[in-house]
Amino acid sequence: MTVIRGVDVDERGRCAHWRTERDVVAHRCETCGRFWACHECHWALADHPFGRADPAAPATVLCGACGHLSSYEDYSAAPFCAGCGHPFNPRCALHRGLYVT
């Protein structure tokens, strides 16, 4: 399984900042190519700004429950993971501009 970086990350990718049952999505930073539990974790641990992805770019969103990779477009169009059906947090849409261009 792909490593999800962050502060106090659990086995499903939930971090110290976002820990509800539905907070299982990690985003790939286009600058370093690593998956991060959230933008706050990236700010705390990385030495560069978060590199935002093109929404249509493949494999930029990772489900921490099953490891399924998708584009941001596909991820944001469904309320659950296409790989395992795990529900996503709908409030994550509020942070769209932090992860994609």
PDB file of N, CA and C in Angstrom:
ATOM      1  N   MET A   1       0.840  -1.196   0.000  1.00  0.00           N
ATOM      2  CA  MET A   1       0.000   0.000   0.000  1.00  0.00           C
ATOM      3  C   MET A   1       0.880   1.253   0.000  1.00  0.00           C
ATOM      4  N   THR A   2       0.405   2.290  -0.623  1.00  0.00           N
ATOM      5  CA  THR A   2       1.116   3.562  -0.709  1.00  0.00           C
ATOM      6  C   THR A   2       1.155   4.234   0.658  1.00  0.00           C
ATOM      7  N   VAL A   3       2.279   4.814   0.978  1.00  0.00           N
ATOM      8  CA  VAL A   3       2.440   5.513   2.259  1.00  0.00           C
ATOM      9  C   VAL A   3       1.697   6.841   2.211  1.00  0.00           C
ATOM     10  N   ILE A   4       0.934   7.109   3.258  1.00  0.00           N
ATOM     11  CA  ILE A   4       0.275   8.400   3.422  1.00  0.00           C
ATOM     12  C   ILE A   4       1.022   9.139   4.514  1.00  0.00           C
ATOM     13  N   ARG A   5       1.590  10.270   4.158  1.00  0.00           N
ATOM     14  CA  ARG A   5       2.377  11.052   5.106  1.00  0.00           C
ATOM     15  C   ARG A   5       1.477  12.027   5.867  1.00  0.00           C
ATOM     16  N   GLY A   6       1.901  12.369   7.079  1.00  0.00           N
ATOM     17  CA  GLY A   6       1.157  13.333   7.865  1.00  0.00           C
ATOM     18  C   GLY A   6       1.492  13.233   9.339  1.00  0.00           C
ATOM     19  N   VAL A   7       0.759  13.975  10.125  1.00  0.00           N
ATOM     20  CA  VAL A   7       0.942  14.027  11.574  1.00  0.00           C
ATOM     21  C   VAL A   7      -0.005  13.024  12.219  1.00  0.00           C
ATOM     22  N   ASP A   8       0.557  12.040  12.931  1.00  0.00           N
ATOM     23  CA  ASP A   8      -0.227  11.033  13.642  1.00  0.00           C
ATOM     24  C   ASP A   8      -1.224  10.323  12.727  1.00  0.00           C
ATOM     25  N   VAL A   9      -0.742   9.830  11.585  1.00  0.00           N
ATOM     26  CA  VAL A   9      -1.583   9.160  10.596  1.00  0.00           C
ATOM     27  C   VAL A   9      -1.875   7.725  11.036  1.00  0.00           C
ATOM     28  N   ASP A  10      -3.153   7.341  10.948  1.00  0.00           N
ATOM     29  CA  ASP A  10      -3.526   5.965  11.299  1.00  0.00           C
ATOM     30  C   ASP A  10      -3.494   5.069  10.058  1.00  0.00           C
ATOM     31  N   GLU A  11      -3.931   3.827  10.200  1.00  0.00           N
ATOM     32  CA  GLU A  11      -3.851   2.841   9.122  1.00  0.00           C
ATOM     33  C   GLU A  11      -4.744   3.167   7.927  1.00  0.00           C
ATOM     34  N   ARG A  12      -5.657   4.093   8.063  1.00  0.00           N
ATOM     35  CA  ARG A  12      -6.541   4.475   6.952  1.00  0.00           C
ATOM     36  C   ARG A  12      -6.251   5.877   6.432  1.00  0.00           C
ATOM     37  N   GLY A  13      -5.193   6.496   6.915  1.00  0.00           N
ATOM     38  CA  GLY A  13      -4.813   7.810   6.412  1.00  0.00           C
ATOM     39  C   GLY A  13      -5.420   8.991   7.129  1.00  0.00           C
ATOM     40  N   ARG A  14      -6.121   8.736   8.228  1.00  0.00           N
ATOM     41  CA  ARG A  14      -6.657   9.853   9.016  1.00  0.00           C
ATOM     42  C   ARG A  14      -5.514  10.435   9.838  1.00  0.00           C
ATOM     43  N   CYS A  15      -5.516  11.748   9.987  1.00  0.00           N
ATOM     44  CA  CYS A  15      -4.397  12.416  10.656  1.00  0.00           C
ATOM     45  C   CYS A  15      -4.848  13.151  11.918  1.00  0.00           C
ATOM     46  N   ALA A  16      -3.935  13.863  12.514  1.00  0.00           N
ATOM     47  CA  ALA A  16      -4.224  14.625  13.728  1.00  0.00           C
ATOM     48  C   ALA A  16      -5.248  15.735  13.476  1.00  0.00           C
ATOM     49  N   HIS A  17      -5.365  16.184  12.230  1.00  0.00           N
ATOM     50  CA  HIS A  17      -6.254  17.299  11.906  1.00  0.00           C
ATOM     51  C   HIS A  17      -7.656  16.858  11.505  1.00  0.00           C
ATOM     52  N   TRP A  18      -7.759  15.706  10.843  1.00  0.00           N
ATOM     53  CA  TRP A  18      -9.030  15.204  10.317  1.00  0.00           C
ATOM     54  C   TRP A  18      -9.162  13.726  10.669  1.00  0.00           C
ATOM     55  N   ARG A  19     -10.092  13.398  11.571  1.00  0.00           N
ATOM     56  CA  ARG A  19     -10.163  12.030  12.095  1.00  0.00           C
ATOM     57  C   ARG A  19     -11.551  11.398  12.092  1.00  0.00           C
ATOM     58  N   THR A  20     -12.478  11.925  11.312  1.00  0.00           N
ATOM     59  CA  THR A  20     -13.783  11.262  11.294  1.00  0.00           C
ATOM     60  C   THR A  20     -13.667   9.960  10.503  1.00  0.00           C
ATOM     61  N   GLU A  21     -14.661   9.110  10.614  1.00  0.00           N
ATOM     62  CA  GLU A  21     -14.674   7.837   9.889  1.00  0.00           C
ATOM     63  C   GLU A  21     -14.543   8.043   8.384  1.00  0.00           C
ATOM     64  N   ARG A  22     -15.032   9.166   7.879  1.00  0.00           N
ATOM     65  CA  ARG A  22     -15.020   9.426   6.434  1.00  0.00           C
ATOM     66  C   ARG A  22     -13.758  10.116   5.928  1.00  0.00           C
ATOM     67  N   ASP A  23     -12.853  10.500   6.799  1.00  0.00           N
ATOM     68  CA  ASP A  23     -11.625  11.201   6.391  1.00  0.00           C
ATOM     69  C   ASP A  23     -10.538  10.210   6.003  1.00  0.00           C
ATOM     70  N   VAL A  24     -10.718   9.579   4.836  1.00  0.00           N
ATOM     71  CA  VAL A  24      -9.780   8.547   4.396  1.00  0.00           C
ATOM     72  C   VAL A  24      -9.091   8.889   3.076  1.00  0.00           C
ATOM     73  N   VAL A  25      -9.171  10.133   2.640  1.00  0.00           N
ATOM     74  CA  VAL A  25      -8.613  10.524   1.348  1.00  0.00           C
ATOM     75  C   VAL A  25      -7.280  11.231   1.533  1.00  0.00           C
ATOM     76  N   ALA A  26      -6.307  10.830   0.725  1.00  0.00           N
ATOM     77  CA  ALA A  26      -5.008  11.504   0.692  1.00  0.00           C
ATOM     78  C   ALA A  26      -4.803  12.087  -0.706  1.00  0.00           C
ATOM     79  N   HIS A  27      -4.116  13.216  -0.766  1.00  0.00           N
ATOM     80  CA  HIS A  27      -3.858  13.886  -2.037  1.00  0.00           C
ATOM     81  C   HIS A  27      -2.362  13.879  -2.331  1.00  0.00           C
ATOM     82  N   ARG A  28      -2.029  13.704  -3.613  1.00  0.00           N
ATOM     83  CA  ARG A  28      -0.624  13.708  -4.022  1.00  0.00           C
ATOM     84  C   ARG A  28      -0.171  15.133  -4.286  1.00  0.00           C
ATOM     85  N   CYS A  29       0.952  15.497  -3.672  1.00  0.00           N
ATOM     86  CA  CYS A  29       1.589  16.782  -3.923  1.00  0.00           C
ATOM     87  C   CYS A  29       2.360  16.657  -5.241  1.00  0.00           C
ATOM     88  N   GLU A  30       2.070  17.515  -6.183  1.00  0.00           N
ATOM     89  CA  GLU A  30       2.729  17.459  -7.488  1.00  0.00           C
ATOM     90  C   GLU A  30       4.200  17.869  -7.401  1.00  0.00           C
ATOM     91  N   THR A  31       4.588  18.540  -6.338  1.00  0.00           N
ATOM     92  CA  THR A  31       5.985  18.945  -6.180  1.00  0.00           C
ATOM     93  C   THR A  31       6.858  17.776  -5.761  1.00  0.00           C
ATOM     94  N   CYS A  32       6.439  17.028  -4.748  1.00  0.00           N
ATOM     95  CA  CYS A  32       7.269  15.934  -4.233  1.00  0.00           C
ATOM     96  C   CYS A  32       6.770  14.543  -4.635  1.00  0.00           C
ATOM     97  N   GLY A  33       5.540  14.457  -5.150  1.00  0.00           N
ATOM     98  CA  GLY A  33       4.992  13.177  -5.574  1.00  0.00           C
ATOM     99  C   GLY A  33       4.499  12.285  -4.451  1.00  0.00           C
ATOM    100  N   ARG A  34       4.472  12.787  -3.241  1.00  0.00           N
ATOM    101  CA  ARG A  34       4.039  12.001  -2.086  1.00  0.00           C
ATOM    102  C   ARG A  34       2.571  12.275  -1.766  1.00  0.00           C
ATOM    103  N   PHE A  35       1.931  11.271  -1.164  1.00  0.00           N
ATOM    104  CA  PHE A  35       0.544  11.428  -0.737  1.00  0.00           C
ATOM    105  C   PHE A  35       0.520  11.953   0.699  1.00  0.00           C
ATOM    106  N   TRP A  36      -0.364  12.916   0.933  1.00  0.00           N
ATOM    107  CA  TRP A  36      -0.476  13.566   2.238  1.00  0.00           C
ATOM    108  C   TRP A  36      -1.899  13.444   2.773  1.00  0.00           C
ATOM    109  N   ALA A  37      -2.016  13.237   4.070  1.00  0.00           N
ATOM    110  CA  ALA A  37      -3.321  13.102   4.704  1.00  0.00           C
ATOM    111  C   ALA A  37      -4.134  14.392   4.590  1.00  0.00           C
ATOM    112  N   CYS A  38      -3.464  15.542   4.665  1.00  0.00           N
ATOM    113  CA  CYS A  38      -4.165  16.817   4.512  1.00  0.00           C
ATOM    114  C   CYS A  38      -3.161  17.941   4.269  1.00  0.00           C
ATOM    115  N   HIS A  39      -3.699  19.089   3.888  1.00  0.00           N
ATOM    116  CA  HIS A  39      -2.850  20.250   3.617  1.00  0.00           C
ATOM    117  C   HIS A  39      -2.129  20.734   4.879  1.00  0.00           C
ATOM    118  N   GLU A  40      -2.767  20.603   6.029  1.00  0.00           N
ATOM    119  CA  GLU A  40      -2.127  21.035   7.269  1.00  0.00           C
ATOM    120  C   GLU A  40      -0.920  20.163   7.608  1.00  0.00           C
ATOM    121  N   CYS A  41      -1.034  18.870   7.362  1.00  0.00           N
ATOM    122  CA  CYS A  41       0.112  17.970   7.571  1.00  0.00           C
ATOM    123  C   CYS A  41       1.259  18.355   6.638  1.00  0.00           C
ATOM    124  N   HIS A  42       0.933  18.643   5.386  1.00  0.00           N
ATOM    125  CA  HIS A  42       1.963  19.037   4.424  1.00  0.00           C
ATOM    126  C   HIS A  42       2.656  20.307   4.888  1.00  0.00           C
ATOM    127  N   TRP A  43       1.872  21.295   5.312  1.00  0.00           N
ATOM    128  CA  TRP A  43       2.463  22.550   5.804  1.00  0.00           C
ATOM    129  C   TRP A  43       3.390  22.302   6.988  1.00  0.00           C
ATOM    130  N   ALA A  44       3.004  21.389   7.857  1.00  0.00           N
ATOM    131  CA  ALA A  44       3.790  21.116   9.067  1.00  0.00           C
ATOM    132  C   ALA A  44       5.079  20.340   8.786  1.00  0.00           C
ATOM    133  N   LEU A  45       5.077  19.474   7.775  1.00  0.00           N
ATOM    134  CA  LEU A  45       6.192  18.542   7.607  1.00  0.00           C
ATOM    135  C   LEU A  45       7.027  18.724   6.335  1.00  0.00           C
ATOM    136  N   ALA A  46       6.492  19.358   5.325  1.00  0.00           N
ATOM    137  CA  ALA A  46       7.222  19.494   4.059  1.00  0.00           C
ATOM    138  C   ALA A  46       8.007  20.799   4.020  1.00  0.00           C
ATOM    139  N   ASP A  47       9.008  20.824   3.153  1.00  0.00           N
ATOM    140  CA  ASP A  47       9.841  22.031   3.031  1.00  0.00           C
ATOM    141  C   ASP A  47       9.513  22.815   1.761  1.00  0.00           C
ATOM    142  N   HIS A  48       8.304  22.640   1.239  1.00  0.00           N
ATOM    143  CA  HIS A  48       7.892  23.308   0.005  1.00  0.00           C
ATOM    144  C   HIS A  48       6.374  23.476   0.016  1.00  0.00           C
ATOM    145  N   PRO A  49       5.855  24.381  -0.804  1.00  0.00           N
ATOM    146  CA  PRO A  49       4.400  24.535  -0.910  1.00  0.00           C
ATOM    147  C   PRO A  49       3.774  23.299  -1.548  1.00  0.00           C
ATOM    148  N   PHE A  50       2.514  23.059  -1.255  1.00  0.00           N
ATOM    149  CA  PHE A  50       1.807  21.920  -1.834  1.00  0.00           C
ATOM    150  C   PHE A  50       1.612  22.169  -3.322  1.00  0.00           C
ATOM    151  N   GLY A  51       2.088  21.248  -4.143  1.00  0.00           N
ATOM    152  CA  GLY A  51       1.928  21.338  -5.591  1.00  0.00           C
ATOM    153  C   GLY A  51       0.562  20.822  -5.992  1.00  0.00           C
ATOM    154  N   ARG A  52      -0.302  21.711  -6.443  1.00  0.00           N
ATOM    155  CA  ARG A  52      -1.668  21.342  -6.804  1.00  0.00           C
ATOM    156  C   ARG A  52      -1.707  20.622  -8.150  1.00  0.00           C
ATOM    157  N   ALA A  53      -2.637  19.693  -8.282  1.00  0.00           N
ATOM    158  CA  ALA A  53      -2.764  18.871  -9.482  1.00  0.00           C
ATOM    159  C   ALA A  53      -3.841  19.400 -10.418  1.00  0.00           C
ATOM    160  N   ASP A  54      -3.735  19.031 -11.667  1.00  0.00           N
ATOM    161  CA  ASP A  54      -4.811  19.240 -12.621  1.00  0.00           C
ATOM    162  C   ASP A  54      -5.941  18.312 -12.179  1.00  0.00           C
ATOM    163  N   PRO A  55      -7.189  18.787 -12.105  1.00  0.00           N
ATOM    164  CA  PRO A  55      -8.280  17.923 -11.635  1.00  0.00           C
ATOM    165  C   PRO A  55      -8.456  16.634 -12.438  1.00  0.00           C
ATOM    166  N   ALA A  56      -8.074  16.648 -13.714  1.00  0.00           N
ATOM    167  CA  ALA A  56      -8.233  15.462 -14.559  1.00  0.00           C
ATOM    168  C   ALA A  56      -7.019  14.529 -14.512  1.00  0.00           C
ATOM    169  N   ALA A  57      -5.942  14.950 -13.871  1.00  0.00           N
ATOM    170  CA  ALA A  57      -4.736  14.112 -13.818  1.00  0.00           C
ATOM    171  C   ALA A  57      -5.040  12.811 -13.080  1.00  0.00           C
ATOM    172  N   PRO A  58      -4.605  11.691 -13.633  1.00  0.00           N
ATOM    173  CA  PRO A  58      -4.879  10.407 -12.977  1.00  0.00           C
ATOM    174  C   PRO A  58      -4.034  10.197 -11.721  1.00  0.00           C
ATOM    175  N   ALA A  59      -4.503   9.350 -10.845  1.00  0.00           N
ATOM    176  CA  ALA A  59      -3.748   8.898  -9.668  1.00  0.00           C
ATOM    177  C   ALA A  59      -3.264  10.019  -8.767  1.00  0.00           C
ATOM    178  N   THR A  60      -4.124  11.014  -8.508  1.00  0.00           N
ATOM    179  CA  THR A  60      -3.740  12.089  -7.595  1.00  0.00           C
ATOM    180  C   THR A  60      -4.478  12.024  -6.265  1.00  0.00           C
ATOM    181  N   VAL A  61      -5.483  11.157  -6.181  1.00  0.00           N
ATOM    182  CA  VAL A  61      -6.257  10.972  -4.951  1.00  0.00           C
ATOM    183  C   VAL A  61      -6.198   9.489  -4.577  1.00  0.00           C
ATOM    184  N   LEU A  62      -5.926   9.231  -3.300  1.00  0.00           N
ATOM    185  CA  LEU A  62      -5.765   7.872  -2.798  1.00  0.00           C
ATOM    186  C   LEU A  62      -6.773   7.600  -1.685  1.00  0.00           C
ATOM    187  N   CYS A  63      -7.485   6.495  -1.782  1.00  0.00           N
ATOM    188  CA  CYS A  63      -8.385   6.069  -0.715  1.00  0.00           C
ATOM    189  C   CYS A  63      -7.552   5.343   0.339  1.00  0.00           C
ATOM    190  N   GLY A  64      -7.565   5.837   1.546  1.00  0.00           N
ATOM    191  CA  GLY A  64      -6.817   5.219   2.631  1.00  0.00           C
ATOM    192  C   GLY A  64      -7.420   3.907   3.104  1.00  0.00           C
ATOM    193  N   ALA A  65      -8.672   3.657   2.754  1.00  0.00           N
ATOM    194  CA  ALA A  65      -9.320   2.414   3.162  1.00  0.00           C
ATOM    195  C   ALA A  65      -8.879   1.227   2.304  1.00  0.00           C
ATOM    196  N   CYS A  66      -8.683   1.472   0.992  1.00  0.00           N
ATOM    197  CA  CYS A  66      -8.358   0.345   0.105  1.00  0.00           C
ATOM    198  C   CYS A  66      -7.162   0.575  -0.816  1.00  0.00           C
ATOM    199  N   GLY A  67      -6.691   1.815  -0.924  1.00  0.00           N
ATOM    200  CA  GLY A  67      -5.558   2.107  -1.804  1.00  0.00           C
ATOM    201  C   GLY A  67      -5.943   2.446  -3.226  1.00  0.00           C
ATOM    202  N   HIS A  68      -7.230   2.547  -3.527  1.00  0.00           N
ATOM    203  CA  HIS A  68      -7.681   2.890  -4.878  1.00  0.00           C
ATOM    204  C   HIS A  68      -7.217   4.296  -5.244  1.00  0.00           C
ATOM    205  N   LEU A  69      -6.681   4.437  -6.466  1.00  0.00           N
ATOM    206  CA  LEU A  69      -6.220   5.726  -6.971  1.00  0.00           C
ATOM    207  C   LEU A  69      -7.219   6.272  -7.979  1.00  0.00           C
ATOM    208  N   SER A  70      -7.418   7.579  -7.958  1.00  0.00           N
ATOM    209  CA  SER A  70      -8.314   8.214  -8.917  1.00  0.00           C
ATOM    210  C   SER A  70      -7.879   9.636  -9.187  1.00  0.00           C
ATOM    211  N   SER A  71      -8.496  10.238 -10.174  1.00  0.00           N
ATOM    212  CA  SER A  71      -8.285  11.664 -10.422  1.00  0.00           C
ATOM    213  C   SER A  71      -9.138  12.435  -9.416  1.00  0.00           C
ATOM    214  N   TYR A  72      -8.858  13.724  -9.263  1.00  0.00           N
ATOM    215  CA  TYR A  72      -9.686  14.532  -8.380  1.00  0.00           C
ATOM    216  C   TYR A  72     -11.101  14.642  -8.946  1.00  0.00           C
ATOM    217  N   GLU A  73     -11.216  14.733 -10.273  1.00  0.00           N
ATOM    218  CA  GLU A  73     -12.537  14.799 -10.906  1.00  0.00           C
ATOM    219  C   GLU A  73     -13.389  13.592 -10.536  1.00  0.00           C
ATOM    220  N   ASP A  74     -12.818  12.396 -10.669  1.00  0.00           N
ATOM    221  CA  ASP A  74     -13.571  11.184 -10.348  1.00  0.00           C
ATOM    222  C   ASP A  74     -13.895  11.114  -8.858  1.00  0.00           C
ATOM    223  N   TYR A  75     -12.924  11.429  -8.025  1.00  0.00           N
ATOM    224  CA  TYR A  75     -13.122  11.414  -6.568  1.00  0.00           C
ATOM    225  C   TYR A  75     -14.248  12.363  -6.156  1.00  0.00           C
ATOM    226  N   SER A  76     -14.216  13.583  -6.675  1.00  0.00           N
ATOM    227  CA  SER A  76     -15.184  14.589  -6.240  1.00  0.00           C
ATOM    228  C   SER A  76     -16.586  14.380  -6.821  1.00  0.00           C
ATOM    229  N   ALA A  77     -16.705  13.520  -7.836  1.00  0.00           N
ATOM    230  CA  ALA A  77     -18.008  13.268  -8.448  1.00  0.00           C
ATOM    231  C   ALA A  77     -18.818  12.193  -7.713  1.00  0.00           C
ATOM    232  N   ALA A  78     -18.194  11.493  -6.792  1.00  0.00           N
ATOM    233  CA  ALA A  78     -18.887  10.404  -6.093  1.00  0.00           C
ATOM    234  C   ALA A  78     -18.762  10.579  -4.580  1.00  0.00           C
ATOM    235  N   PRO A  79     -19.774  10.199  -3.832  1.00  0.00           N
ATOM    236  CA  PRO A  79     -19.715  10.329  -2.371  1.00  0.00           C
ATOM    237  C   PRO A  79     -18.975   9.175  -1.690  1.00  0.00           C
ATOM    238  N   PHE A  80     -18.459   8.237  -2.487  1.00  0.00           N
ATOM    239  CA  PHE A  80     -17.798   7.057  -1.922  1.00  0.00           C
ATOM    240  C   PHE A  80     -16.695   6.586  -2.864  1.00  0.00           C
ATOM    241  N   CYS A  81     -15.817   5.745  -2.365  1.00  0.00           N
ATOM    242  CA  CYS A  81     -14.698   5.220  -3.141  1.00  0.00           C
ATOM    243  C   CYS A  81     -15.194   4.255  -4.221  1.00  0.00           C
ATOM    244  N   ALA A  82     -14.694   4.424  -5.438  1.00  0.00           N
ATOM    245  CA  ALA A  82     -15.054   3.529  -6.542  1.00  0.00           C
ATOM    246  C   ALA A  82     -14.441   2.146  -6.353  1.00  0.00           C
ATOM    247  N   GLY A  83     -13.393   2.055  -5.533  1.00  0.00           N
ATOM    248  CA  GLY A  83     -12.740   0.773  -5.307  1.00  0.00           C
ATOM    249  C   GLY A  83     -13.379  -0.084  -4.237  1.00  0.00           C
ATOM    250  N   CYS A  84     -13.793   0.540  -3.135  1.00  0.00           N
ATOM    251  CA  CYS A  84     -14.303  -0.250  -2.006  1.00  0.00           C
ATOM    252  C   CYS A  84     -15.651   0.211  -1.469  1.00  0.00           C
ATOM    253  N   GLY A  85     -16.136   1.344  -1.938  1.00  0.00           N
ATOM    254  CA  GLY A  85     -17.426   1.841  -1.477  1.00  0.00           C
ATOM    255  C   GLY A  85     -17.389   2.620  -0.172  1.00  0.00           C
ATOM    256  N   HIS A  86     -16.195   2.824   0.394  1.00  0.00           N
ATOM    257  CA  HIS A  86     -16.095   3.582   1.647  1.00  0.00           C
ATOM    258  C   HIS A  86     -16.570   5.011   1.407  1.00  0.00           C
ATOM    259  N   PRO A  87     -17.443   5.539   2.275  1.00  0.00           N
ATOM    260  CA  PRO A  87     -17.927   6.911   2.082  1.00  0.00           C
ATOM    261  C   PRO A  87     -16.833   7.945   2.342  1.00  0.00           C
ATOM    262  N   PHE A  88     -16.891   9.024   1.561  1.00  0.00           N
ATOM    263  CA  PHE A  88     -15.960  10.143   1.731  1.00  0.00           C
ATOM    264  C   PHE A  88     -16.648  11.274   2.488  1.00  0.00           C
ATOM    265  N   ASN A  89     -15.853  12.131   3.103  1.00  0.00           N
ATOM    266  CA  ASN A  89     -16.367  13.288   3.821  1.00  0.00           C
ATOM    267  C   ASN A  89     -16.783  14.354   2.801  1.00  0.00           C
ATOM    268  N   PRO A  90     -18.068  14.695   2.711  1.00  0.00           N
ATOM    269  CA  PRO A  90     -18.504  15.682   1.721  1.00  0.00           C
ATOM    270  C   PRO A  90     -17.943  17.075   1.972  1.00  0.00           C
ATOM    271  N   ARG A  91     -17.534  17.345   3.200  1.00  0.00           N
ATOM    272  CA  ARG A  91     -16.983  18.670   3.523  1.00  0.00           C
ATOM    273  C   ARG A  91     -15.571  18.876   2.970  1.00  0.00           C
ATOM    274  N   CYS A  92     -14.952  17.807   2.485  1.00  0.00           N
ATOM    275  CA  CYS A  92     -13.629  17.944   1.869  1.00  0.00           C
ATOM    276  C   CYS A  92     -13.675  18.853   0.644  1.00  0.00           C
ATOM    277  N   ALA A  93     -14.838  18.961   0.021  1.00  0.00           N
ATOM    278  CA  ALA A  93     -14.992  19.826  -1.142  1.00  0.00           C
ATOM    279  C   ALA A  93     -14.647  21.281  -0.815  1.00  0.00           C
ATOM    280  N   LEU A  94     -14.752  21.661   0.435  1.00  0.00           N
ATOM    281  CA  LEU A  94     -14.405  23.026   0.848  1.00  0.00           C
ATOM    282  C   LEU A  94     -12.928  23.340   0.642  1.00  0.00           C
ATOM    283  N   HIS A  95     -12.084  22.307   0.547  1.00  0.00           N
ATOM    284  CA  HIS A  95     -10.641  22.482   0.408  1.00  0.00           C
ATOM    285  C   HIS A  95     -10.131  22.241  -1.015  1.00  0.00           C
ATOM    286  N   ARG A  96     -11.014  22.156  -1.970  1.00  0.00           N
ATOM    287  CA  ARG A  96     -10.666  21.850  -3.344  1.00  0.00           C
ATOM    288  C   ARG A  96      -9.490  22.689  -3.848  1.00  0.00           C
ATOM    289  N   GLY A  97      -9.545  23.972  -3.640  1.00  0.00           N
ATOM    290  CA  GLY A  97      -8.518  24.882  -4.136  1.00  0.00           C
ATOM    291  C   GLY A  97      -7.133  24.660  -3.560  1.00  0.00           C
ATOM    292  N   LEU A  98      -7.041  23.928  -2.487  1.00  0.00           N
ATOM    293  CA  LEU A  98      -5.733  23.635  -1.904  1.00  0.00           C
ATOM    294  C   LEU A  98      -5.036  22.481  -2.615  1.00  0.00           C
ATOM    295  N   TYR A  99      -5.810  21.625  -3.302  1.00  0.00           N
ATOM    296  CA  TYR A  99      -5.276  20.413  -3.900  1.00  0.00           C
ATOM    297  C   TYR A  99      -5.244  20.394  -5.423  1.00  0.00           C
ATOM    298  N   VAL A 100      -6.119  21.142  -6.057  1.00  0.00           N
ATOM    299  CA  VAL A 100      -6.160  21.152  -7.527  1.00  0.00           C
ATOM    300  C   VAL A 100      -6.171  22.574  -8.071  1.00  0.00           C
ATOM    301  N   THR A 101      -5.747  22.686  -9.306  1.00  0.00           N
ATOM    302  CA  THR A 101      -5.676  23.996  -9.967  1.00  0.00           C
ATOM    303  C   THR A 101      -7.019  24.424 -10.493  1.00  0.00           C
TER     304      THR A 101
END
